[in-house]
């Protein structure tokens, strides 16, 4: 019987993406509804972000697609800080974020994982 060490790293990375990507999409759905607390977005996505930073895949195009999801999550965090009003706080001041890059990155990762 094959153990975790025998698993195809690309399939493992895609399985992780399937789980993490679902959470990221739920967060994106909330972002699309209106202003959110940047700290809340960051806290919810911190675990997902770390997996996308080092996906462990061996296919370069898959690795790039998964790393772009991580970069898009980082972009949401940067937006959250940049859009704060003067004197605003990430934990108490809601801001409107643009999830376009995140959506595109998730779609590209889904496509890269298709059939794996």
N, C-alpha and C. Protein backbone atom coordinates (compact mmCIF):
# COMPACT_ATOMS: atom_id res chain seq x y z
N UNK A 1 0.85 -1.18 0.00
CA UNK A 1 0.00 0.00 0.00
C UNK A 1 0.89 1.24 0.00
N UNK A 2 0.56 2.20 -0.84
CA UNK A 2 1.34 3.42 -0.95
C UNK A 2 1.05 4.35 0.21
N UNK A 3 2.10 4.91 0.78
CA UNK A 3 1.94 5.85 1.88
C UNK A 3 2.06 7.28 1.38
N UNK A 4 1.97 8.25 2.30
CA UNK A 4 2.06 9.65 1.90
C UNK A 4 3.34 10.00 1.16
N UNK A 5 4.45 9.32 1.49
CA UNK A 5 5.72 9.62 0.82
C UNK A 5 5.68 9.20 -0.65
N UNK A 6 4.79 8.25 -0.99
CA UNK A 6 4.68 7.77 -2.35
C UNK A 6 3.71 8.59 -3.19
N UNK A 7 3.01 9.51 -2.59
CA UNK A 7 1.98 10.29 -3.29
C UNK A 7 2.62 11.23 -4.31
N UNK A 8 1.94 11.41 -5.42
CA UNK A 8 2.38 12.34 -6.45
C UNK A 8 2.29 13.76 -5.89
N UNK A 9 3.40 14.50 -5.85
CA UNK A 9 3.39 15.83 -5.24
C UNK A 9 2.42 16.80 -5.92
N UNK A 10 2.22 16.65 -7.22
CA UNK A 10 1.28 17.54 -7.91
C UNK A 10 -0.15 17.26 -7.47
N UNK A 11 -0.48 15.98 -7.32
CA UNK A 11 -1.83 15.63 -6.83
C UNK A 11 -2.04 16.10 -5.40
N UNK A 12 -1.01 15.97 -4.59
CA UNK A 12 -1.10 16.43 -3.20
C UNK A 12 -1.33 17.94 -3.17
N UNK A 13 -0.57 18.66 -3.98
CA UNK A 13 -0.73 20.12 -4.04
C UNK A 13 -2.12 20.49 -4.52
N UNK A 14 -2.64 19.77 -5.49
CA UNK A 14 -3.98 20.06 -6.00
C UNK A 14 -5.06 19.70 -4.99
N UNK A 15 -4.86 18.65 -4.23
CA UNK A 15 -5.82 18.31 -3.18
C UNK A 15 -5.84 19.39 -2.12
N UNK A 16 -4.66 19.91 -1.77
CA UNK A 16 -4.57 21.00 -0.80
C UNK A 16 -5.27 22.24 -1.35
N UNK A 17 -5.05 22.51 -2.65
CA UNK A 17 -5.71 23.65 -3.29
C UNK A 17 -7.23 23.50 -3.28
N UNK A 18 -7.71 22.30 -3.53
CA UNK A 18 -9.17 22.08 -3.53
C UNK A 18 -9.76 22.48 -2.19
N UNK A 19 -9.09 22.14 -1.11
CA UNK A 19 -9.57 22.48 0.22
C UNK A 19 -9.38 23.96 0.52
N UNK A 20 -8.17 24.46 0.34
CA UNK A 20 -7.88 25.86 0.63
C UNK A 20 -8.61 26.80 -0.31
N UNK A 21 -8.69 26.42 -1.57
CA UNK A 21 -9.36 27.26 -2.55
C UNK A 21 -10.83 27.48 -2.22
N UNK A 22 -11.47 26.46 -1.67
CA UNK A 22 -12.88 26.60 -1.27
C UNK A 22 -13.02 27.67 -0.19
N UNK A 23 -12.11 27.68 0.78
CA UNK A 23 -12.15 28.70 1.83
C UNK A 23 -11.89 30.09 1.24
N UNK A 24 -10.89 30.18 0.37
CA UNK A 24 -10.57 31.48 -0.23
C UNK A 24 -11.77 32.00 -1.03
N UNK A 25 -12.45 31.12 -1.75
CA UNK A 25 -13.63 31.55 -2.51
C UNK A 25 -14.76 32.03 -1.60
N UNK A 26 -14.92 31.41 -0.43
CA UNK A 26 -15.94 31.88 0.51
C UNK A 26 -15.59 33.28 1.02
N UNK A 27 -14.32 33.51 1.28
CA UNK A 27 -13.88 34.84 1.72
C UNK A 27 -14.10 35.86 0.60
N UNK A 28 -13.75 35.49 -0.62
CA UNK A 28 -13.96 36.37 -1.77
C UNK A 28 -15.44 36.72 -1.91
N UNK A 29 -16.31 35.76 -1.70
CA UNK A 29 -17.76 36.02 -1.78
C UNK A 29 -18.17 37.08 -0.77
N UNK A 30 -17.60 37.04 0.42
CA UNK A 30 -17.90 38.06 1.43
C UNK A 30 -17.33 39.42 1.02
N UNK A 31 -16.13 39.40 0.46
CA UNK A 31 -15.51 40.65 0.00
C UNK A 31 -16.38 41.30 -1.07
N UNK A 32 -16.94 40.49 -1.96
CA UNK A 32 -17.77 41.02 -3.04
C UNK A 32 -19.07 41.63 -2.52
N UNK A 33 -19.52 41.23 -1.34
CA UNK A 33 -20.76 41.77 -0.78
C UNK A 33 -20.59 43.20 -0.28
N UNK A 34 -19.38 43.58 0.07
CA UNK A 34 -19.18 44.94 0.56
C UNK A 34 -17.98 45.04 1.47
N UNK A 35 -17.79 46.18 2.08
CA UNK A 35 -16.61 46.40 2.92
C UNK A 35 -16.43 45.33 4.00
N UNK A 36 -15.18 45.01 4.25
CA UNK A 36 -14.80 43.99 5.23
C UNK A 36 -13.69 44.52 6.13
N UNK A 37 -13.48 43.86 7.24
CA UNK A 37 -12.37 44.20 8.12
C UNK A 37 -11.11 43.54 7.58
N UNK A 38 -10.08 44.31 7.23
CA UNK A 38 -8.86 43.71 6.69
C UNK A 38 -8.24 42.66 7.61
N UNK A 39 -8.30 42.89 8.91
CA UNK A 39 -7.71 41.92 9.84
C UNK A 39 -8.45 40.59 9.77
N UNK A 40 -9.75 40.64 9.60
CA UNK A 40 -10.54 39.42 9.50
C UNK A 40 -10.15 38.61 8.28
N UNK A 41 -9.98 39.28 7.17
CA UNK A 41 -9.57 38.60 5.93
C UNK A 41 -8.19 37.97 6.13
N UNK A 42 -7.27 38.72 6.71
CA UNK A 42 -5.91 38.22 6.92
C UNK A 42 -5.90 37.02 7.84
N UNK A 43 -6.65 37.08 8.93
CA UNK A 43 -6.67 35.97 9.90
C UNK A 43 -7.24 34.71 9.27
N UNK A 44 -8.33 34.86 8.54
CA UNK A 44 -8.97 33.70 7.93
C UNK A 44 -8.08 33.06 6.87
N UNK A 45 -7.34 33.87 6.12
CA UNK A 45 -6.57 33.34 5.00
C UNK A 45 -5.11 33.01 5.32
N UNK A 46 -4.67 33.23 6.55
CA UNK A 46 -3.26 33.01 6.87
C UNK A 46 -2.84 31.55 6.63
N UNK A 47 -3.65 30.60 7.00
CA UNK A 47 -3.31 29.19 6.78
C UNK A 47 -3.26 28.84 5.31
N UNK A 48 -4.24 29.33 4.57
CA UNK A 48 -4.26 29.08 3.12
C UNK A 48 -3.03 29.69 2.46
N UNK A 49 -2.69 30.89 2.87
CA UNK A 49 -1.56 31.61 2.27
C UNK A 49 -0.27 30.82 2.40
N UNK A 50 -0.03 30.25 3.55
CA UNK A 50 1.23 29.54 3.75
C UNK A 50 1.34 28.32 2.84
N UNK A 51 0.25 27.62 2.59
CA UNK A 51 0.28 26.47 1.69
C UNK A 51 0.54 26.85 0.25
N UNK A 52 0.04 28.00 -0.14
CA UNK A 52 0.25 28.43 -1.52
C UNK A 52 1.67 28.95 -1.74
N UNK A 53 2.31 29.40 -0.70
CA UNK A 53 3.68 29.92 -0.85
C UNK A 53 4.68 28.84 -1.19
N UNK A 54 4.47 27.65 -0.65
CA UNK A 54 5.34 26.50 -0.93
C UNK A 54 4.46 25.30 -1.25
N UNK A 55 3.92 25.25 -2.47
CA UNK A 55 2.93 24.22 -2.79
C UNK A 55 3.49 22.80 -2.84
N UNK A 56 4.79 22.63 -3.04
CA UNK A 56 5.37 21.29 -3.09
C UNK A 56 5.16 20.55 -4.40
N UNK A 57 4.61 21.20 -5.38
CA UNK A 57 4.38 20.55 -6.68
C UNK A 57 5.68 20.53 -7.48
N UNK A 58 5.73 19.61 -8.44
CA UNK A 58 6.93 19.49 -9.28
C UNK A 58 6.74 20.09 -10.67
N UNK A 59 5.50 20.23 -11.11
CA UNK A 59 5.21 20.81 -12.41
C UNK A 59 5.35 22.34 -12.30
N UNK A 60 6.27 22.94 -13.05
CA UNK A 60 6.51 24.38 -12.93
C UNK A 60 5.27 25.24 -13.19
N UNK A 61 4.43 24.85 -14.15
CA UNK A 61 3.25 25.66 -14.43
C UNK A 61 2.23 25.55 -13.30
N UNK A 62 2.12 24.38 -12.69
CA UNK A 62 1.24 24.21 -11.54
C UNK A 62 1.77 25.01 -10.35
N UNK A 63 3.07 24.92 -10.12
CA UNK A 63 3.67 25.68 -9.02
C UNK A 63 3.41 27.17 -9.20
N UNK A 64 3.61 27.68 -10.41
CA UNK A 64 3.38 29.11 -10.67
C UNK A 64 1.92 29.49 -10.42
N UNK A 65 1.00 28.65 -10.86
CA UNK A 65 -0.42 28.95 -10.67
C UNK A 65 -0.78 28.98 -9.19
N UNK A 66 -0.27 28.03 -8.43
CA UNK A 66 -0.57 27.99 -7.00
C UNK A 66 0.09 29.14 -6.26
N UNK A 67 1.32 29.47 -6.63
CA UNK A 67 2.00 30.60 -6.00
C UNK A 67 1.30 31.92 -6.31
N UNK A 68 0.68 32.03 -7.46
CA UNK A 68 -0.07 33.24 -7.80
C UNK A 68 -1.27 33.40 -6.87
N UNK A 69 -1.88 32.30 -6.45
CA UNK A 69 -2.97 32.42 -5.47
C UNK A 69 -2.42 33.03 -4.18
N UNK A 70 -1.26 32.57 -3.75
CA UNK A 70 -0.64 33.15 -2.55
C UNK A 70 -0.34 34.62 -2.72
N UNK A 71 0.17 35.00 -3.89
CA UNK A 71 0.47 36.41 -4.16
C UNK A 71 -0.82 37.24 -4.19
N UNK A 72 -1.89 36.67 -4.71
CA UNK A 72 -3.17 37.38 -4.74
C UNK A 72 -3.72 37.58 -3.33
N UNK A 73 -3.52 36.59 -2.46
CA UNK A 73 -3.93 36.74 -1.06
C UNK A 73 -3.11 37.85 -0.41
N UNK A 74 -1.81 37.89 -0.69
CA UNK A 74 -0.97 38.98 -0.19
C UNK A 74 -1.47 40.33 -0.68
N UNK A 75 -1.92 40.37 -1.93
CA UNK A 75 -2.45 41.60 -2.50
C UNK A 75 -3.69 42.07 -1.74
N UNK A 76 -4.56 41.14 -1.35
CA UNK A 76 -5.73 41.53 -0.56
C UNK A 76 -5.29 42.17 0.75
N UNK A 77 -4.26 41.62 1.37
CA UNK A 77 -3.75 42.18 2.62
C UNK A 77 -3.18 43.59 2.40
N UNK A 78 -2.42 43.76 1.32
CA UNK A 78 -1.88 45.09 1.01
C UNK A 78 -3.00 46.10 0.76
N UNK A 79 -4.02 45.66 0.01
CA UNK A 79 -5.16 46.55 -0.23
C UNK A 79 -5.81 46.97 1.08
N UNK A 80 -5.97 46.01 1.98
CA UNK A 80 -6.60 46.29 3.26
C UNK A 80 -5.89 47.38 4.03
N UNK A 81 -4.58 47.37 3.99
CA UNK A 81 -3.81 48.41 4.67
C UNK A 81 -3.84 49.72 3.90
N UNK A 82 -3.71 49.64 2.59
CA UNK A 82 -3.64 50.84 1.77
C UNK A 82 -4.95 51.62 1.74
N UNK A 83 -6.06 50.94 1.89
CA UNK A 83 -7.36 51.60 1.78
C UNK A 83 -7.92 52.08 3.11
N UNK A 84 -7.17 51.90 4.18
CA UNK A 84 -7.64 52.39 5.47
C UNK A 84 -7.74 53.91 5.46
N UNK A 85 -8.78 54.45 6.06
CA UNK A 85 -8.87 55.90 6.17
C UNK A 85 -7.82 56.40 7.18
N UNK A 86 -7.50 57.68 7.15
CA UNK A 86 -6.55 58.21 8.14
C UNK A 86 -7.02 57.86 9.56
N UNK A 87 -6.11 57.30 10.33
CA UNK A 87 -6.43 56.90 11.69
C UNK A 87 -7.18 55.59 11.78
N UNK A 88 -7.41 54.95 10.64
CA UNK A 88 -8.15 53.69 10.62
C UNK A 88 -7.32 52.54 11.16
N UNK A 89 -8.01 51.49 11.54
CA UNK A 89 -7.37 50.32 12.11
C UNK A 89 -7.89 49.08 11.39
N UNK A 90 -7.01 48.15 11.07
CA UNK A 90 -7.40 46.96 10.31
C UNK A 90 -8.43 46.10 11.03
N UNK A 91 -8.50 46.23 12.36
CA UNK A 91 -9.42 45.42 13.13
C UNK A 91 -10.79 46.07 13.33
N UNK A 92 -10.89 47.37 13.04
CA UNK A 92 -12.16 48.06 13.31
C UNK A 92 -12.70 48.86 12.13
N UNK A 93 -11.88 49.11 11.13
CA UNK A 93 -12.30 49.92 9.98
C UNK A 93 -12.53 49.04 8.76
N UNK A 94 -13.75 49.01 8.28
CA UNK A 94 -14.06 48.21 7.09
C UNK A 94 -13.62 48.96 5.84
N UNK A 95 -13.13 48.20 4.87
CA UNK A 95 -12.72 48.76 3.58
C UNK A 95 -13.22 47.86 2.46
N UNK A 96 -13.38 48.43 1.29
CA UNK A 96 -13.76 47.66 0.10
C UNK A 96 -12.49 47.14 -0.57
N UNK A 97 -12.43 45.84 -0.76
CA UNK A 97 -11.29 45.23 -1.42
C UNK A 97 -11.70 44.77 -2.81
N UNK A 98 -10.73 44.71 -3.71
CA UNK A 98 -10.98 44.24 -5.07
C UNK A 98 -10.40 42.82 -5.21
N UNK A 99 -11.26 41.80 -5.27
CA UNK A 99 -10.77 40.43 -5.34
C UNK A 99 -10.51 39.90 -6.75
N UNK A 100 -10.48 40.78 -7.75
CA UNK A 100 -10.34 40.35 -9.13
C UNK A 100 -9.11 39.46 -9.34
N UNK A 101 -7.98 39.87 -8.81
CA UNK A 101 -6.75 39.08 -8.98
C UNK A 101 -6.89 37.72 -8.30
N UNK A 102 -7.52 37.70 -7.15
CA UNK A 102 -7.69 36.45 -6.41
C UNK A 102 -8.58 35.48 -7.18
N UNK A 103 -9.67 35.99 -7.73
CA UNK A 103 -10.58 35.15 -8.51
C UNK A 103 -9.85 34.56 -9.72
N UNK A 104 -9.11 35.41 -10.43
CA UNK A 104 -8.37 34.95 -11.61
C UNK A 104 -7.33 33.90 -11.22
N UNK A 105 -6.65 34.11 -10.10
CA UNK A 105 -5.64 33.16 -9.65
C UNK A 105 -6.26 31.82 -9.27
N UNK A 106 -7.40 31.87 -8.58
CA UNK A 106 -8.09 30.63 -8.22
C UNK A 106 -8.55 29.87 -9.46
N UNK A 107 -9.08 30.60 -10.44
CA UNK A 107 -9.52 29.96 -11.68
C UNK A 107 -8.33 29.31 -12.41
N UNK A 108 -7.19 30.00 -12.44
CA UNK A 108 -6.00 29.46 -13.09
C UNK A 108 -5.49 28.22 -12.36
N UNK A 109 -5.51 28.26 -11.04
CA UNK A 109 -5.08 27.09 -10.26
C UNK A 109 -6.04 25.92 -10.47
N UNK A 110 -7.34 26.21 -10.51
CA UNK A 110 -8.31 25.15 -10.81
C UNK A 110 -8.00 24.50 -12.16
N UNK A 111 -7.73 25.33 -13.15
CA UNK A 111 -7.43 24.82 -14.49
C UNK A 111 -6.14 24.00 -14.49
N UNK A 112 -5.13 24.47 -13.77
CA UNK A 112 -3.86 23.76 -13.71
C UNK A 112 -4.01 22.42 -12.99
N UNK A 113 -4.95 22.34 -12.07
CA UNK A 113 -5.18 21.09 -11.32
C UNK A 113 -6.16 20.15 -12.01
N UNK A 114 -6.83 20.61 -13.02
CA UNK A 114 -7.83 19.78 -13.69
C UNK A 114 -7.21 18.46 -14.17
N UNK A 115 -7.84 17.38 -13.82
CA UNK A 115 -7.38 16.06 -14.25
C UNK A 115 -6.26 15.47 -13.41
N UNK A 116 -5.87 16.13 -12.36
CA UNK A 116 -4.79 15.59 -11.50
C UNK A 116 -5.39 14.90 -10.30
